[in-house]
């Protein structure tokens, strides 16, 4: 797992052996079972997550119905907004597959960033990338039809089609599961 993490980090910064040892000594890796809720609505946390293996999702519960807002898979990071705002979470974070996560907290990150300033630079670069990606995703969602959203998903994140339960995928696309089934059938029919 260390090599996966270090390969990812090397895309942004180079690490000395001392820096690698410092990361390993933090004991950040967690094996988490499918179905585990990492964060509940109303809960406070300082934890951020980096997915080494597996899939986690964020969702709200509105009128007793889960509304999926995002999926995070290998080499993707999630810092829930409540970590930054220091307020209770407005949504849930759960594992939809057995996962290996790197779990850090804001206190630990501040300590590492002060000892090794280049981590602060890497975190800023990651944050900027994530912000740009989320802006594009939000704009695409707001300006596209459900069919376009599904086709975008097929193009950009085809792995999710096999990994995520249909009802969660439908919720993520902003449609009902039955509508997703009809949409898939319509797309297959067009290809025939």
Protein backbone atom coordinates (compact mmCIF):
# COMPACT_ATOMS: atom_id res chain seq x y z
CA UNK A 1 0.00 0.00 0.00
CA UNK A 2 2.89 2.33 0.73
CA UNK A 3 4.07 2.06 -2.87
CA UNK A 4 0.62 2.95 -4.23
CA UNK A 5 0.58 6.04 -2.06
CA UNK A 6 4.15 7.06 -2.87
CA UNK A 7 3.56 6.59 -6.60
CA UNK A 8 0.57 8.91 -6.35
CA UNK A 9 2.50 11.52 -4.35
CA UNK A 10 5.38 11.40 -6.85
CA UNK A 11 3.06 12.94 -9.46
CA UNK A 12 3.17 16.13 -7.38
CA UNK A 13 6.37 16.17 -5.32
CA UNK A 14 9.44 14.04 -4.76
CA UNK A 15 9.95 12.53 -1.32
CA UNK A 16 13.11 11.87 0.63
CA UNK A 17 13.44 8.64 2.61
CA UNK A 18 12.94 10.68 5.79
CA UNK A 19 9.63 12.02 4.46
CA UNK A 20 8.50 8.53 3.44
CA UNK A 21 9.36 7.22 6.90
CA UNK A 22 7.45 10.09 8.51
CA UNK A 23 4.34 9.18 6.49
CA UNK A 24 4.63 5.48 7.33
CA UNK A 25 5.07 6.27 11.05
CA UNK A 26 1.71 8.06 11.12
CA UNK A 27 -0.14 4.71 10.79
CA UNK A 28 -2.73 6.12 8.40
CA UNK A 29 -3.93 2.95 6.63
CA UNK A 30 -7.32 1.50 7.55
CA UNK A 31 -9.12 -1.55 6.18
CA UNK A 32 -12.82 -0.79 6.20
CA UNK A 33 -15.64 -3.24 5.48
CA UNK A 34 -18.38 -2.67 2.93
CA UNK A 35 -21.36 -0.95 4.55
CA UNK A 36 -19.32 0.88 7.18
CA UNK A 37 -20.53 4.42 7.78
CA UNK A 38 -17.48 6.64 8.17
CA UNK A 39 -19.40 9.82 8.94
CA UNK A 40 -23.02 10.46 9.88
CA UNK A 41 -25.15 13.55 9.48
CA UNK A 42 -24.78 15.67 12.62
CA UNK A 43 -21.43 14.13 13.56
CA UNK A 44 -18.29 16.23 13.92
CA UNK A 45 -15.00 14.99 12.53
CA UNK A 46 -11.47 16.07 11.71
CA UNK A 47 -10.93 13.09 9.38
CA UNK A 48 -10.11 13.22 5.69
CA UNK A 49 -10.02 10.14 3.48
CA UNK A 50 -7.85 9.00 0.60
CA UNK A 51 -9.00 5.85 -1.18
CA UNK A 52 -6.19 3.42 -1.95
CA UNK A 53 -8.56 0.60 -2.82
CA UNK A 54 -12.33 0.41 -2.87
CA UNK A 55 -15.17 2.90 -3.15
CA UNK A 56 -16.84 5.31 -0.76
CA UNK A 57 -19.81 7.58 -1.35
CA UNK A 58 -21.30 10.73 0.09
CA UNK A 59 -25.04 11.09 0.45
CA UNK A 60 -27.77 13.07 2.16
CA UNK A 61 -30.94 11.62 3.64
CA UNK A 62 -33.87 13.79 2.56
CA UNK A 63 -37.42 12.74 3.45
CA UNK A 64 -36.08 9.26 4.37
CA UNK A 65 -34.52 8.89 0.90
CA UNK A 66 -30.76 8.67 0.24
CA UNK A 67 -29.49 11.21 -2.30
CA UNK A 68 -26.02 10.23 -3.50
CA UNK A 69 -23.78 13.19 -4.36
CA UNK A 70 -20.41 11.59 -5.09
CA UNK A 71 -18.34 8.43 -5.36
CA UNK A 72 -14.65 8.29 -4.50
CA UNK A 73 -12.54 5.44 -5.85
CA UNK A 74 -8.84 4.61 -6.08
CA UNK A 75 -6.49 7.59 -5.73
CA UNK A 76 -9.27 10.06 -4.88
CA UNK A 77 -9.44 12.18 -1.75
CA UNK A 78 -12.35 13.43 0.31
CA UNK A 79 -12.21 16.11 2.96
CA UNK A 80 -15.78 16.57 4.16
CA UNK A 81 -16.75 20.27 4.32
CA UNK A 82 -17.46 19.92 8.05
CA UNK A 83 -13.71 19.37 8.63
CA UNK A 84 -12.97 22.84 7.26
CA UNK A 85 -16.00 24.58 8.78
CA UNK A 86 -15.65 22.73 12.12
CA UNK A 87 -19.41 22.18 12.17
CA UNK A 88 -21.52 19.00 12.29
CA UNK A 89 -21.66 17.11 9.00
CA UNK A 90 -24.66 17.66 6.77
CA UNK A 91 -24.22 14.32 4.99
CA UNK A 92 -23.09 10.73 5.34
CA UNK A 93 -19.93 9.03 4.09
CA UNK A 94 -20.01 5.24 3.73
CA UNK A 95 -18.07 2.41 2.11
CA UNK A 96 -19.84 0.63 -0.73
CA UNK A 97 -16.98 -1.84 -1.11
CA UNK A 98 -14.40 -3.29 1.24
CA UNK A 99 -11.85 -0.48 1.15
CA UNK A 100 -8.34 0.42 2.16
CA UNK A 101 -8.28 4.06 3.16
CA UNK A 102 -5.66 6.47 4.28
CA UNK A 103 -7.33 8.35 7.14
CA UNK A 104 -5.75 11.55 8.36
CA UNK A 105 -6.99 14.37 10.52
CA UNK A 106 -6.53 18.11 10.38
CA UNK A 107 -4.23 18.20 13.43
CA UNK A 108 -1.95 15.54 11.95
CA UNK A 109 -1.91 17.30 8.57
CA UNK A 110 -0.94 20.62 10.18
CA UNK A 111 1.93 18.93 12.02
CA UNK A 112 3.23 17.17 8.90
CA UNK A 113 2.88 20.34 6.79
CA UNK A 114 4.88 22.35 9.33
CA UNK A 115 7.67 19.74 9.42
CA UNK A 116 7.66 19.17 5.66
CA UNK A 117 6.48 22.30 3.80
CA UNK A 118 6.37 20.53 0.45
CA UNK A 119 3.33 18.55 1.68
CA UNK A 120 1.52 21.85 2.07
CA UNK A 121 2.36 22.62 -1.57
CA UNK A 122 1.09 19.19 -2.66
CA UNK A 123 -2.13 19.61 -0.66
CA UNK A 124 -2.72 22.99 -2.29
CA UNK A 125 -2.17 21.48 -5.75
CA UNK A 126 -4.58 18.62 -4.96
CA UNK A 127 -7.16 21.07 -3.61
CA UNK A 128 -6.96 23.21 -6.74
CA UNK A 129 -7.35 20.15 -8.98
CA UNK A 130 -10.29 18.88 -6.94
CA UNK A 131 -12.00 22.26 -6.92
CA UNK A 132 -11.69 22.58 -10.71
CA UNK A 133 -12.94 19.01 -11.25
CA UNK A 134 -15.91 19.49 -8.94
CA UNK A 135 -16.81 22.78 -10.66
CA UNK A 136 -16.79 21.08 -14.06
CA UNK A 137 -18.82 18.13 -12.73
CA UNK A 138 -21.36 20.48 -11.13
CA UNK A 139 -21.73 22.54 -14.31
CA UNK A 140 -22.11 19.40 -16.44
CA UNK A 141 -24.75 18.04 -14.06
CA UNK A 142 -26.74 21.27 -14.07
CA UNK A 143 -26.65 21.71 -17.84
CA UNK A 144 -27.22 18.14 -19.04
CA UNK A 145 -30.16 15.78 -19.36
CA UNK A 146 -30.25 12.50 -17.42
CA UNK A 147 -29.23 10.68 -20.62
CA UNK A 148 -26.26 13.01 -21.11
CA UNK A 149 -25.29 12.52 -17.45
CA UNK A 150 -25.33 8.75 -17.90
CA UNK A 151 -23.32 8.95 -21.14
CA UNK A 152 -20.79 11.24 -19.40
CA UNK A 153 -20.54 8.71 -16.59
CA UNK A 154 -19.97 5.89 -19.11
CA UNK A 155 -17.20 7.93 -20.71
CA UNK A 156 -15.48 9.32 -17.60
CA UNK A 157 -16.12 6.70 -14.90
CA UNK A 158 -17.18 3.44 -16.55
CA UNK A 159 -15.98 1.41 -13.55
CA UNK A 160 -18.83 2.81 -11.45
CA UNK A 161 -21.41 1.10 -13.66
CA UNK A 162 -20.23 -2.32 -12.39
CA UNK A 163 -19.20 -1.30 -8.88
CA UNK A 164 -22.15 0.71 -7.63
CA UNK A 165 -25.67 -0.57 -6.89
CA UNK A 166 -28.17 0.68 -9.48
CA UNK A 167 -30.30 2.60 -6.97
CA UNK A 168 -27.23 4.56 -5.79
CA UNK A 169 -26.15 5.21 -9.38
CA UNK A 170 -29.65 6.45 -10.24
CA UNK A 171 -29.65 8.75 -7.21
CA UNK A 172 -26.24 10.11 -8.25
CA UNK A 173 -27.62 10.85 -11.72
CA UNK A 174 -30.67 12.55 -10.20
CA UNK A 175 -33.22 10.00 -11.45
CA UNK A 176 -35.25 7.07 -10.14
CA UNK A 177 -33.91 3.49 -10.56
CA UNK A 178 -36.74 2.65 -13.00
CA UNK A 179 -35.78 5.65 -15.13
CA UNK A 180 -32.18 4.45 -15.19
CA UNK A 181 -33.32 1.03 -16.42
CA UNK A 182 -35.38 2.64 -19.21
CA UNK A 183 -32.52 4.99 -20.08
CA UNK A 184 -30.06 2.07 -20.37
CA UNK A 185 -32.52 0.16 -22.58
CA UNK A 186 -33.00 3.21 -24.81
CA UNK A 187 -29.23 3.65 -25.23
CA UNK A 188 -28.78 -0.05 -26.05
CA UNK A 189 -31.62 0.18 -28.57
CA UNK A 190 -29.93 3.16 -30.29
CA UNK A 191 -26.69 1.16 -30.60
CA UNK A 192 -28.49 -1.78 -32.24
